[in-house]
Amino acid sequence: MIAQLKEAVGDDAFVRLRDKCIANSTERLDALSAAMASGDADPVRAYAHALAGLFAQFGMVAVEQAARAVEAAEEPLLSATVASLVETGRIGLRQLRELN
């Protein structure tokens, strides 16, 4: 997936896309955590939906699946699925940073 994306857009554009994805994903993971802390499930699901799309663009299936699980989760499992997404997302971001 990454090789195909790099081939389609070129190395420079790939780096710009990657960096934008990292910035947007970091911002959304932080906002997701804050929304979960406030107890409002609607923005939690909206942030999870956005994260699923961002990570899917880079073929990061595990993080995308974690985000989809948050979208589908009901209480009392919502908090645990959010925690899993945040952890998986941070790992995914570290891996994404290593891609050139």
C-alpha atoms as a PDB file:
ATOM      1  CA  MET A   1       0.000   0.000   0.000  1.00  0.00           C
ATOM      2  CA  ILE A   2       2.732   2.467   0.962  1.00  0.00           C
ATOM      3  CA  ALA A   3       4.807   1.622  -2.105  1.00  0.00           C
ATOM      4  CA  GLN A   4       1.785   2.153  -4.334  1.00  0.00           C
ATOM      5  CA  LEU A   5       1.022   5.486  -2.707  1.00  0.00           C
ATOM      6  CA  LYS A   6       4.634   6.653  -3.064  1.00  0.00           C
ATOM      7  CA  GLU A   7       4.681   5.593  -6.697  1.00  0.00           C
ATOM      8  CA  ALA A   8       1.401   7.369  -7.396  1.00  0.00           C
ATOM      9  CA  VAL A   9       2.299  10.697  -5.790  1.00  0.00           C
ATOM     10  CA  GLY A  10       6.104  10.762  -5.738  1.00  0.00           C
ATOM     11  CA  ASP A  11       8.494  10.896  -2.815  1.00  0.00           C
ATOM     12  CA  ASP A  12       8.131  14.589  -1.953  1.00  0.00           C
ATOM     13  CA  ALA A  13       4.343  14.521  -2.022  1.00  0.00           C
ATOM     14  CA  PHE A  14       4.353  11.322   0.005  1.00  0.00           C
ATOM     15  CA  VAL A  15       6.407  12.949   2.751  1.00  0.00           C
ATOM     16  CA  ARG A  16       4.017  15.928   2.815  1.00  0.00           C
ATOM     17  CA  LEU A  17       0.989  13.596   2.967  1.00  0.00           C
ATOM     18  CA  ARG A  18       2.608  11.504   5.688  1.00  0.00           C
ATOM     19  CA  ASP A  19       3.472  14.545   7.776  1.00  0.00           C
ATOM     20  CA  LYS A  20      -0.042  15.969   7.402  1.00  0.00           C
ATOM     21  CA  CYS A  21      -1.541  12.608   8.390  1.00  0.00           C
ATOM     22  CA  ILE A  22       0.693  12.475  11.465  1.00  0.00           C
ATOM     23  CA  ALA A  23      -0.297  16.000  12.500  1.00  0.00           C
ATOM     24  CA  ASN A  24      -4.015  15.432  11.909  1.00  0.00           C
ATOM     25  CA  SER A  25      -4.006  12.029  13.602  1.00  0.00           C
ATOM     26  CA  THR A  26      -2.127  13.336  16.635  1.00  0.00           C
ATOM     27  CA  GLU A  27      -4.617  16.191  16.972  1.00  0.00           C
ATOM     28  CA  ARG A  28      -7.598  13.837  16.632  1.00  0.00           C
ATOM     29  CA  LEU A  29      -6.208  11.293  19.095  1.00  0.00           C
ATOM     30  CA  ASP A  30      -5.814  14.090  21.650  1.00  0.00           C
ATOM     31  CA  ALA A  31      -9.322  15.378  20.930  1.00  0.00           C
ATOM     32  CA  LEU A  32     -10.709  11.843  21.155  1.00  0.00           C
ATOM     33  CA  SER A  33      -9.176  11.404  24.600  1.00  0.00           C
ATOM     34  CA  ALA A  34     -10.564  14.743  25.742  1.00  0.00           C
ATOM     35  CA  ALA A  35     -14.033  13.920  24.408  1.00  0.00           C
ATOM     36  CA  MET A  36     -13.957  10.559  26.174  1.00  0.00           C
ATOM     37  CA  ALA A  37     -12.969  12.269  29.418  1.00  0.00           C
ATOM     38  CA  SER A  38     -15.960  14.616  29.072  1.00  0.00           C
ATOM     39  CA  GLY A  39     -18.280  11.620  28.676  1.00  0.00           C
ATOM     40  CA  ASP A  40     -19.791  12.688  25.349  1.00  0.00           C
ATOM     41  CA  ALA A  41     -19.923   9.673  23.041  1.00  0.00           C
ATOM     42  CA  ASP A  42     -20.965  11.501  19.846  1.00  0.00           C
ATOM     43  CA  PRO A  43     -17.690  13.386  19.311  1.00  0.00           C
ATOM     44  CA  VAL A  44     -15.785  10.270  20.372  1.00  0.00           C
ATOM     45  CA  ARG A  45     -17.349   8.356  17.497  1.00  0.00           C
ATOM     46  CA  ALA A  46     -16.805  11.252  15.081  1.00  0.00           C
ATOM     47  CA  TYR A  47     -13.093  11.426  15.933  1.00  0.00           C
ATOM     48  CA  ALA A  48     -12.822   7.644  15.621  1.00  0.00           C
ATOM     49  CA  HIS A  49     -14.439   7.821  12.181  1.00  0.00           C
ATOM     50  CA  ALA A  50     -11.962  10.473  11.039  1.00  0.00           C
ATOM     51  CA  LEU A  51      -9.041   8.465  12.411  1.00  0.00           C
ATOM     52  CA  ALA A  52     -10.201   5.327  10.613  1.00  0.00           C
ATOM     53  CA  GLY A  53     -10.057   7.206   7.324  1.00  0.00           C
ATOM     54  CA  LEU A  54      -6.689   8.791   8.008  1.00  0.00           C
ATOM     55  CA  PHE A  55      -5.005   5.532   8.935  1.00  0.00           C
ATOM     56  CA  ALA A  56      -6.712   3.608   6.117  1.00  0.00           C
ATOM     57  CA  GLN A  57      -5.054   5.910   3.580  1.00  0.00           C
ATOM     58  CA  PHE A  58      -1.697   4.531   4.685  1.00  0.00           C
ATOM     59  CA  GLY A  59      -2.781   0.890   4.947  1.00  0.00           C
ATOM     60  CA  MET A  60      -2.588   0.845   8.734  1.00  0.00           C
ATOM     61  CA  VAL A  61      -5.248  -1.814   9.130  1.00  0.00           C
ATOM     62  CA  ALA A  62      -4.847  -2.482  12.865  1.00  0.00           C
ATOM     63  CA  VAL A  63      -5.400   1.174  13.741  1.00  0.00           C
ATOM     64  CA  GLU A  64      -8.275   1.487  11.281  1.00  0.00           C
ATOM     65  CA  GLN A  65      -9.932  -1.568  12.861  1.00  0.00           C
ATOM     66  CA  ALA A  66      -9.431  -0.145  16.354  1.00  0.00           C
ATOM     67  CA  ALA A  67     -11.112   3.070  15.217  1.00  0.00           C
ATOM     68  CA  ARG A  68     -14.013   1.152  13.648  1.00  0.00           C
ATOM     69  CA  ALA A  69     -14.423  -0.732  16.941  1.00  0.00           C
ATOM     70  CA  VAL A  70     -14.831   2.608  18.750  1.00  0.00           C
ATOM     71  CA  GLU A  71     -17.448   3.688  16.217  1.00  0.00           C
ATOM     72  CA  ALA A  72     -19.457   0.531  16.940  1.00  0.00           C
ATOM     73  CA  ALA A  73     -18.874   0.259  20.691  1.00  0.00           C
ATOM     74  CA  GLU A  74     -21.573   0.808  23.274  1.00  0.00           C
ATOM     75  CA  GLU A  75     -21.150   1.482  26.971  1.00  0.00           C
ATOM     76  CA  PRO A  76     -19.626  -0.008  29.047  1.00  0.00           C
ATOM     77  CA  LEU A  77     -17.086  -1.043  26.388  1.00  0.00           C
ATOM     78  CA  LEU A  78     -16.601   2.396  24.829  1.00  0.00           C
ATOM     79  CA  SER A  79     -13.915   3.499  27.275  1.00  0.00           C
ATOM     80  CA  ALA A  80     -11.848   0.347  26.758  1.00  0.00           C
ATOM     81  CA  THR A  81     -12.094   0.562  22.975  1.00  0.00           C
ATOM     82  CA  VAL A  82     -11.020   4.210  23.068  1.00  0.00           C
ATOM     83  CA  ALA A  83      -8.009   3.315  25.221  1.00  0.00           C
ATOM     84  CA  SER A  84      -7.094   0.590  22.748  1.00  0.00           C
ATOM     85  CA  LEU A  85      -7.426   2.985  19.806  1.00  0.00           C
ATOM     86  CA  VAL A  86      -5.261   5.628  21.475  1.00  0.00           C
ATOM     87  CA  GLU A  87      -2.534   3.087  22.237  1.00  0.00           C
ATOM     88  CA  THR A  88      -2.709   1.469  18.789  1.00  0.00           C
ATOM     89  CA  GLY A  89      -2.854   4.884  17.148  1.00  0.00           C
ATOM     90  CA  ARG A  90       0.274   6.127  18.934  1.00  0.00           C
ATOM     91  CA  ILE A  91       2.135   2.974  17.868  1.00  0.00           C
ATOM     92  CA  GLY A  92       0.903   3.480  14.311  1.00  0.00           C
ATOM     93  CA  LEU A  93       2.094   7.082  14.324  1.00  0.00           C
ATOM     94  CA  ARG A  94       5.564   6.001  15.434  1.00  0.00           C
ATOM     95  CA  GLN A  95       5.664   3.525  12.552  1.00  0.00           C
ATOM     96  CA  LEU A  96       4.393   6.134  10.121  1.00  0.00           C
ATOM     97  CA  ARG A  97       7.129   8.582  11.162  1.00  0.00           C
ATOM     98  CA  GLU A  98       9.735   5.992  10.159  1.00  0.00           C
ATOM     99  CA  LEU A  99       8.445   5.766   6.581  1.00  0.00           C
ATOM    100  CA  ASN A 100      10.393   7.748   4.005  1.00  0.00           C
END
